[in-house]
Amino acid sequence: MDRSNRFFGTHGDLSVQLAPWTAKALGFDPKISLFLLKEPLQFRSDIAGGIITVPAGFISDLASIPRAAWSLGYDPDCQVLELAAWVHDLCYGRVGK
């Protein structure tokens, strides 16, 4: 196993953006961009002591960083940040509230 890549088993783009009317039908604010994970995402975490799996069908706003903060080095097209956002939102949704 390649220990340098903590995300594994991924093949290309894993998400699809929900249309505003679909988000509204699901009970979400249609003004917020939401994404649906098309296939499971696995992340190896030393802190959690194992594998964190974000299930297919999970909905997230991904890295909802204010546009003003982008100048601090955030690249909205960075695929690693997108993958990390899925894991963050899954963990935050289960523990951080």
C-alpha atoms as a PDB file:
ATOM      1  CA  MET A   1       0.000   0.000   0.000  1.00  0.00           C
ATOM      2  CA  ASP A   2       1.293   3.477  -0.910  1.00  0.00           C
ATOM      3  CA  ARG A   3       1.594   5.201   2.507  1.00  0.00           C
ATOM      4  CA  SER A   4       2.142   8.632   0.924  1.00  0.00           C
ATOM      5  CA  ASN A   5      -1.413   8.799  -0.457  1.00  0.00           C
ATOM      6  CA  ARG A   6      -3.935   8.906   2.365  1.00  0.00           C
ATOM      7  CA  PHE A   7      -6.853   8.957  -0.099  1.00  0.00           C
ATOM      8  CA  PHE A   8      -7.115   5.709  -1.995  1.00  0.00           C
ATOM      9  CA  GLY A   9      -9.475   3.816  -4.238  1.00  0.00           C
ATOM     10  CA  THR A  10     -10.585   7.003  -6.003  1.00  0.00           C
ATOM     11  CA  HIS A  11     -11.039   7.181  -9.740  1.00  0.00           C
ATOM     12  CA  GLY A  12     -11.465  10.672 -11.181  1.00  0.00           C
ATOM     13  CA  ASP A  13     -14.130  13.157 -10.167  1.00  0.00           C
ATOM     14  CA  LEU A  14     -16.244  11.726  -7.375  1.00  0.00           C
ATOM     15  CA  SER A  15     -19.013  14.292  -7.113  1.00  0.00           C
ATOM     16  CA  VAL A  16     -21.821  15.973  -8.961  1.00  0.00           C
ATOM     17  CA  GLN A  17     -23.265  19.379  -8.132  1.00  0.00           C
ATOM     18  CA  LEU A  18     -26.958  19.379  -7.242  1.00  0.00           C
ATOM     19  CA  ALA A  19     -29.257  21.677  -9.184  1.00  0.00           C
ATOM     20  CA  PRO A  20     -30.879  24.353  -6.981  1.00  0.00           C
ATOM     21  CA  TRP A  21     -34.335  22.823  -7.454  1.00  0.00           C
ATOM     22  CA  THR A  22     -33.018  19.408  -6.405  1.00  0.00           C
ATOM     23  CA  ALA A  23     -31.414  20.891  -3.277  1.00  0.00           C
ATOM     24  CA  LYS A  24     -34.684  22.649  -2.445  1.00  0.00           C
ATOM     25  CA  ALA A  25     -36.674  19.430  -2.944  1.00  0.00           C
ATOM     26  CA  LEU A  26     -34.297  17.726  -0.475  1.00  0.00           C
ATOM     27  CA  GLY A  27     -34.911  20.473   2.106  1.00  0.00           C
ATOM     28  CA  PHE A  28     -31.687  22.443   1.585  1.00  0.00           C
ATOM     29  CA  ASP A  29     -31.231  26.145   0.862  1.00  0.00           C
ATOM     30  CA  PRO A  30     -31.033  26.362  -2.950  1.00  0.00           C
ATOM     31  CA  LYS A  31     -28.668  29.365  -2.687  1.00  0.00           C
ATOM     32  CA  ILE A  32     -25.911  27.106  -1.291  1.00  0.00           C
ATOM     33  CA  SER A  33     -23.943  24.988  -3.766  1.00  0.00           C
ATOM     34  CA  LEU A  34     -24.240  21.350  -2.736  1.00  0.00           C
ATOM     35  CA  PHE A  35     -22.520  18.281  -4.077  1.00  0.00           C
ATOM     36  CA  LEU A  36     -23.428  14.573  -4.047  1.00  0.00           C
ATOM     37  CA  LEU A  37     -20.685  11.963  -3.663  1.00  0.00           C
ATOM     38  CA  LYS A  38     -21.105   9.408  -6.471  1.00  0.00           C
ATOM     39  CA  GLU A  39     -18.907   6.665  -5.011  1.00  0.00           C
ATOM     40  CA  PRO A  40     -17.393   5.930  -1.583  1.00  0.00           C
ATOM     41  CA  LEU A  41     -14.259   7.829  -0.608  1.00  0.00           C
ATOM     42  CA  GLN A  42     -11.674   6.271   1.703  1.00  0.00           C
ATOM     43  CA  PHE A  43      -9.130   8.135   3.797  1.00  0.00           C
ATOM     44  CA  ARG A  44      -6.434   6.547   5.980  1.00  0.00           C
ATOM     45  CA  SER A  45      -6.206   8.494   9.267  1.00  0.00           C
ATOM     46  CA  ASP A  46      -3.455   8.069  11.826  1.00  0.00           C
ATOM     47  CA  ILE A  47      -5.423  10.196  14.299  1.00  0.00           C
ATOM     48  CA  ALA A  48      -8.594   8.096  14.002  1.00  0.00           C
ATOM     49  CA  GLY A  49      -6.498   4.943  13.895  1.00  0.00           C
ATOM     50  CA  GLY A  50      -7.946   3.492  10.725  1.00  0.00           C
ATOM     51  CA  ILE A  51      -9.931   4.128   7.597  1.00  0.00           C
ATOM     52  CA  ILE A  52     -12.642   6.776   7.357  1.00  0.00           C
ATOM     53  CA  THR A  53     -15.138   6.023   4.584  1.00  0.00           C
ATOM     54  CA  VAL A  54     -17.429   8.729   3.253  1.00  0.00           C
ATOM     55  CA  PRO A  55     -20.386   6.804   1.784  1.00  0.00           C
ATOM     56  CA  ALA A  56     -21.739   7.262  -1.711  1.00  0.00           C
ATOM     57  CA  GLY A  57     -24.803   9.500  -1.613  1.00  0.00           C
ATOM     58  CA  PHE A  58     -23.340  11.809   1.052  1.00  0.00           C
ATOM     59  CA  ILE A  59     -24.235  15.473   0.432  1.00  0.00           C
ATOM     60  CA  SER A  60     -21.831  18.303   1.278  1.00  0.00           C
ATOM     61  CA  ASP A  61     -21.169  21.956   0.533  1.00  0.00           C
ATOM     62  CA  LEU A  62     -17.495  20.924   0.403  1.00  0.00           C
ATOM     63  CA  ALA A  63     -15.001  23.619   1.315  1.00  0.00           C
ATOM     64  CA  SER A  64     -17.407  26.448   2.046  1.00  0.00           C
ATOM     65  CA  ILE A  65     -14.602  28.962   2.463  1.00  0.00           C
ATOM     66  CA  PRO A  66     -15.578  32.613   1.961  1.00  0.00           C
ATOM     67  CA  ARG A  67     -14.341  34.026  -1.346  1.00  0.00           C
ATOM     68  CA  ALA A  68     -12.279  36.647   0.544  1.00  0.00           C
ATOM     69  CA  ALA A  69     -10.196  33.834   2.074  1.00  0.00           C
ATOM     70  CA  TRP A  70      -9.237  32.449  -1.337  1.00  0.00           C
ATOM     71  CA  SER A  71      -6.453  35.029  -1.548  1.00  0.00           C
ATOM     72  CA  LEU A  72      -4.792  33.307   1.420  1.00  0.00           C
ATOM     73  CA  GLY A  73      -3.862  30.345  -0.743  1.00  0.00           C
ATOM     74  CA  TYR A  74      -7.087  28.390  -1.147  1.00  0.00           C
ATOM     75  CA  ASP A  75      -7.476  26.991  -4.648  1.00  0.00           C
ATOM     76  CA  PRO A  76     -11.141  26.077  -5.302  1.00  0.00           C
ATOM     77  CA  ASP A  77     -10.061  23.668  -8.058  1.00  0.00           C
ATOM     78  CA  CYS A  78      -7.566  21.702  -5.919  1.00  0.00           C
ATOM     79  CA  GLN A  79      -8.658  18.048  -5.934  1.00  0.00           C
ATOM     80  CA  VAL A  80      -6.882  17.182  -2.662  1.00  0.00           C
ATOM     81  CA  LEU A  81      -8.749  19.979  -0.869  1.00  0.00           C
ATOM     82  CA  GLU A  82     -12.005  18.671  -2.316  1.00  0.00           C
ATOM     83  CA  LEU A  83     -11.267  15.167  -1.001  1.00  0.00           C
ATOM     84  CA  ALA A  84     -10.336  16.557   2.408  1.00  0.00           C
ATOM     85  CA  ALA A  85     -13.573  18.582   2.487  1.00  0.00           C
ATOM     86  CA  TRP A  86     -15.640  15.395   2.107  1.00  0.00           C
ATOM     87  CA  VAL A  87     -13.896  13.777   5.088  1.00  0.00           C
ATOM     88  CA  HIS A  88     -14.120  16.984   7.155  1.00  0.00           C
ATOM     89  CA  ASP A  89     -17.858  17.385   6.540  1.00  0.00           C
ATOM     90  CA  LEU A  90     -18.555  13.724   7.342  1.00  0.00           C
ATOM     91  CA  CYS A  91     -16.619  13.929  10.647  1.00  0.00           C
ATOM     92  CA  TYR A  92     -18.041  17.329  11.583  1.00  0.00           C
ATOM     93  CA  GLY A  93     -21.579  16.175  10.837  1.00  0.00           C
ATOM     94  CA  ARG A  94     -21.216  13.171  13.129  1.00  0.00           C
ATOM     95  CA  VAL A  95     -19.146  14.629  15.977  1.00  0.00           C
ATOM     96  CA  GLY A  96     -18.680  18.372  15.778  1.00  0.00           C
ATOM     97  CA  LYS A  97     -22.201  19.683  16.234  1.00  0.00           C
END
